[in-house]
Amino acid sequence: MTTTQAHQQIRILVQAAAAACEDKKGEDTRILELDPIDSGLSDFFLVTSASNDRQTMAIADEIEYRLKKEFGVYANSVEGRRKGDWILLDYVDFVVHVFLAERRAFYDIERLRKSARPLSPAEFDAELKAALAKKTLAVRKKAPAKAKPAAKAKPVAKAKPAAAKTKAALPKAKKAVKKVAVPARKAAVPTKKAAAKKAAARKSKA
């Protein structure tokens, strides 16, 4: 996997975690894209707020469940679940902070990470879609154009051999000869009889 592909995969995971926060009514959810020089090992912070400790636990549980079910990804470590005022889920490439609203205001992570670029989940989602669309277009341009299938040649009728044609014609010729010959013979018979009658008549006169 290339560096670009790995970065896009991380973005997809962050997007899924942000969607889980939204589904569990997390408030003022923000994604901080950290400066590579300042960030250390992590690329993103996902920060959201809850109104009570039960909600912070519900949000954290939903994030863990969704990333495990859909991507087979587990948090490297989880902290603060017992108290519930600040739950931290460390996925190495990104870290999720689920705060009680007053705790978030007190620690003010967004202010501490001044070099980070803050994004709303909608802005983050739009950037991810644009990047994926650009990648898809680049792949399509590289793919060779499919050659059109050659037109199928029409089957040529096989010519019958000359000998076969001659054999087929012989019976027809024989029939024609018979039809012509038969009337000729029939016409000859009355002529002989007439000659015989004439000869007999001559003998009787003599």
Protein backbone atom coordinates (compact mmCIF):
# COMPACT_ATOMS: atom_id res chain seq x y z
CA MET A 1 0.00 0.00 0.00
CA THR A 2 1.38 3.41 -1.00
CA THR A 3 1.60 6.39 1.38
CA THR A 4 -1.34 8.07 -0.38
CA GLN A 5 -3.51 4.95 -0.11
CA ALA A 6 -2.62 4.56 3.58
CA HIS A 7 -3.53 8.20 4.26
CA GLN A 8 -6.88 7.78 2.52
CA GLN A 9 -7.57 4.64 4.56
CA ILE A 10 -6.91 6.61 7.77
CA ARG A 11 -9.30 9.31 6.57
CA ILE A 12 -12.01 6.70 5.97
CA LEU A 13 -11.59 5.42 9.55
CA VAL A 14 -11.74 8.97 10.97
CA GLN A 15 -14.85 9.64 8.91
CA ALA A 16 -16.53 6.47 10.30
CA ALA A 17 -15.63 7.49 13.88
CA ALA A 18 -17.03 10.99 13.28
CA ALA A 19 -20.26 9.47 11.92
CA ALA A 20 -20.56 7.38 15.11
CA CYS A 21 -20.22 10.58 17.19
CA GLU A 22 -22.98 12.23 15.17
CA ASP A 23 -25.26 9.21 15.51
CA LYS A 24 -24.87 9.25 19.30
CA LYS A 25 -25.63 12.99 19.46
CA GLY A 26 -22.08 14.15 20.09
CA GLU A 27 -21.89 17.96 20.20
CA ASP A 28 -19.54 20.26 18.30
CA THR A 29 -17.65 17.38 16.70
CA ARG A 30 -14.40 18.59 15.13
CA ILE A 31 -11.56 16.91 13.26
CA LEU A 32 -8.09 18.40 13.67
CA GLU A 33 -5.68 17.60 10.84
CA LEU A 34 -2.39 17.80 12.69
CA ASP A 35 0.77 19.38 11.36
CA PRO A 36 3.19 16.56 10.43
CA ILE A 37 6.04 18.31 12.30
CA ASP A 38 3.95 18.91 15.42
CA SER A 39 1.83 15.77 15.43
CA GLY A 40 4.40 13.09 16.26
CA LEU A 41 2.92 9.72 15.38
CA SER A 42 -0.74 10.72 14.94
CA ASP A 43 -2.32 12.39 11.89
CA PHE A 44 -5.73 13.43 13.26
CA PHE A 45 -7.54 14.30 16.48
CA LEU A 46 -11.28 13.72 16.58
CA VAL A 47 -12.90 15.77 19.34
CA THR A 48 -16.54 15.67 20.47
CA SER A 49 -18.57 16.63 23.55
CA ALA A 50 -21.30 14.95 25.59
CA SER A 51 -23.71 16.27 28.21
CA ASN A 52 -23.10 13.48 30.77
CA ASP A 53 -20.77 10.56 31.48
CA ARG A 54 -23.28 7.98 30.25
CA GLN A 55 -23.28 9.67 26.87
CA THR A 56 -19.47 9.82 26.69
CA MET A 57 -19.40 6.04 27.26
CA ALA A 58 -22.13 5.47 24.66
CA ILE A 59 -20.18 7.48 22.07
CA ALA A 60 -16.90 5.70 22.82
CA ASP A 61 -18.60 2.28 22.67
CA GLU A 62 -20.22 3.10 19.32
CA ILE A 63 -16.90 4.20 17.81
CA GLU A 64 -15.14 1.03 18.97
CA TYR A 65 -17.99 -1.20 17.77
CA ARG A 66 -18.27 0.41 14.35
CA LEU A 67 -14.54 0.40 13.55
CA LYS A 68 -14.23 -3.20 14.71
CA LYS A 69 -17.29 -4.43 12.78
CA GLU A 70 -16.78 -2.52 9.53
CA PHE A 71 -12.97 -2.43 9.28
CA GLY A 72 -11.61 -4.96 11.78
CA VAL A 73 -9.70 -2.14 13.54
CA TYR A 74 -9.20 -2.07 17.32
CA ALA A 75 -8.05 0.79 19.54
CA ASN A 76 -4.42 0.48 20.61
CA SER A 77 -5.40 1.77 24.06
CA VAL A 78 -8.46 3.23 25.84
CA GLU A 79 -8.22 5.62 28.79
CA GLY A 80 -10.71 7.38 31.08
CA ARG A 81 -13.62 5.01 30.62
CA ARG A 82 -14.06 4.52 34.37
CA LYS A 83 -14.58 8.20 35.18
CA GLY A 84 -16.26 9.04 31.87
CA ASP A 85 -15.44 12.76 31.86
CA TRP A 86 -12.74 12.37 29.17
CA ILE A 87 -12.42 9.11 27.23
CA LEU A 88 -9.43 8.78 24.93
CA LEU A 89 -9.34 6.15 22.17
CA ASP A 90 -5.87 5.81 20.64
CA TYR A 91 -5.86 4.31 17.13
CA VAL A 92 -2.22 5.40 16.61
CA ASP A 93 -2.84 7.20 13.28
CA PHE A 94 -5.68 9.15 14.87
CA VAL A 95 -6.87 9.77 18.42
CA VAL A 96 -10.48 10.24 19.54
CA HIS A 97 -11.26 12.52 22.51
CA VAL A 98 -14.77 12.24 23.97
CA PHE A 99 -15.25 15.00 26.56
CA LEU A 100 -17.85 16.23 28.94
CA ALA A 101 -18.57 19.77 27.72
CA GLU A 102 -16.97 21.48 30.78
CA ARG A 103 -13.86 19.28 30.57
CA ARG A 104 -13.41 20.09 26.91
CA ALA A 105 -13.61 23.82 27.66
CA PHE A 106 -11.05 23.41 30.46
CA TYR A 107 -8.42 21.53 28.43
CA ASP A 108 -9.18 23.36 25.15
CA ILE A 109 -7.28 20.98 22.86
CA GLU A 110 -8.17 23.02 19.77
CA ARG A 111 -6.30 26.02 21.20
CA LEU A 112 -3.28 23.93 22.20
CA ARG A 113 -3.01 22.58 18.64
CA LYS A 114 -2.87 25.93 16.87
CA SER A 115 -1.00 24.51 13.89
CA ALA A 116 -3.78 21.95 13.26
CA ARG A 117 -6.37 22.52 10.57
CA PRO A 118 -9.88 22.23 12.07
CA LEU A 119 -12.61 20.64 9.96
CA SER A 120 -16.25 19.83 10.54
CA PRO A 121 -17.35 16.25 9.69
CA ALA A 122 -19.17 17.60 6.59
CA GLU A 123 -16.04 19.42 5.35
CA PHE A 124 -13.89 16.38 6.06
CA ASP A 125 -16.35 14.13 4.19
CA ALA A 126 -16.37 16.48 1.16
CA GLU A 127 -12.56 16.47 1.01
CA LEU A 128 -12.45 12.69 1.22
CA LYS A 129 -15.00 12.27 -1.58
CA ALA A 130 -13.09 14.71 -3.79
CA ALA A 131 -9.83 12.82 -3.19
CA LEU A 132 -11.44 9.46 -3.99
CA ALA A 133 -13.06 10.86 -7.15
CA LYS A 134 -9.70 12.24 -8.29
CA LYS A 135 -8.05 8.88 -7.69
CA THR A 136 -10.78 7.05 -9.63
CA LEU A 137 -10.41 9.42 -12.58
CA ALA A 138 -6.63 8.92 -12.63
CA VAL A 139 -7.04 5.13 -12.66
CA ARG A 140 -9.53 5.32 -15.53
CA LYS A 141 -7.14 7.45 -17.59
CA LYS A 142 -4.33 4.93 -17.12
CA ALA A 143 -6.51 1.95 -18.04
CA PRO A 144 -6.10 0.93 -21.75
CA ALA A 145 -9.13 1.45 -23.95
CA LYS A 146 -10.99 -1.78 -24.61
CA ALA A 147 -10.68 -2.93 -28.24
CA LYS A 148 -13.97 -3.36 -30.06
CA PRO A 149 -14.74 -7.01 -30.83
CA ALA A 150 -14.21 -7.91 -34.49
CA ALA A 151 -17.38 -8.41 -36.52
CA LYS A 152 -18.17 -12.07 -37.06
CA ALA A 153 -17.77 -13.14 -40.70
CA LYS A 154 -20.90 -14.52 -42.30
CA PRO A 155 -20.65 -18.25 -43.05
CA VAL A 156 -19.97 -18.93 -46.75
CA ALA A 157 -22.24 -21.55 -48.36
CA LYS A 158 -20.23 -24.56 -49.41
CA ALA A 159 -20.30 -25.15 -53.18
CA LYS A 160 -21.55 -28.59 -54.17
CA PRO A 161 -19.01 -30.58 -56.18
CA ALA A 162 -19.59 -30.79 -59.96
CA ALA A 163 -19.88 -34.60 -59.85
CA ALA A 164 -22.73 -34.36 -57.35
CA LYS A 165 -24.57 -31.88 -59.59
CA THR A 166 -24.13 -34.22 -62.58
CA LYS A 167 -25.50 -37.21 -60.63
CA ALA A 168 -28.48 -35.17 -59.44
CA ALA A 169 -29.21 -34.11 -63.05
CA LEU A 170 -29.07 -37.66 -64.57
CA PRO A 171 -32.41 -38.97 -63.19
CA LYS A 172 -34.17 -35.83 -64.46
CA ALA A 173 -32.65 -36.30 -67.95
CA LYS A 174 -33.68 -39.96 -68.08
CA LYS A 175 -37.27 -39.09 -67.15
CA ALA A 176 -37.36 -36.48 -69.92
CA VAL A 177 -36.12 -39.02 -72.49
CA LYS A 178 -38.74 -41.57 -71.44
CA LYS A 179 -41.53 -39.00 -71.68
CA VAL A 180 -40.50 -38.09 -75.24
CA ALA A 181 -39.86 -41.67 -76.42
CA VAL A 182 -43.15 -43.20 -75.24
CA PRO A 183 -45.48 -41.13 -77.45
CA ALA A 184 -43.27 -41.84 -80.52
CA ARG A 185 -43.67 -45.64 -80.09
CA LYS A 186 -47.40 -45.36 -79.58
CA ALA A 187 -47.71 -43.33 -82.78
CA ALA A 188 -45.77 -46.00 -84.76
CA VAL A 189 -48.11 -48.91 -83.83
CA PRO A 190 -51.24 -47.70 -85.69
CA THR A 191 -49.14 -47.02 -88.81
CA LYS A 192 -48.04 -50.71 -89.08
CA LYS A 193 -51.59 -51.94 -88.55
CA ALA A 194 -52.83 -49.67 -91.32
CA ALA A 195 -50.15 -51.01 -93.69
CA ALA A 196 -51.17 -54.58 -92.88
CA LYS A 197 -54.82 -53.82 -93.58
CA LYS A 198 -53.95 -52.28 -96.90
CA ALA A 199 -51.87 -55.32 -97.88
CA ALA A 200 -54.70 -57.68 -96.93
CA ALA A 201 -57.15 -55.62 -98.94
CA ARG A 202 -54.91 -55.83 -101.99
CA LYS A 203 -54.62 -59.64 -101.69
CA SER A 204 -58.41 -60.01 -101.49
CA LYS A 205 -58.91 -57.89 -104.62
CA ALA A 206 -56.40 -59.94 -106.53
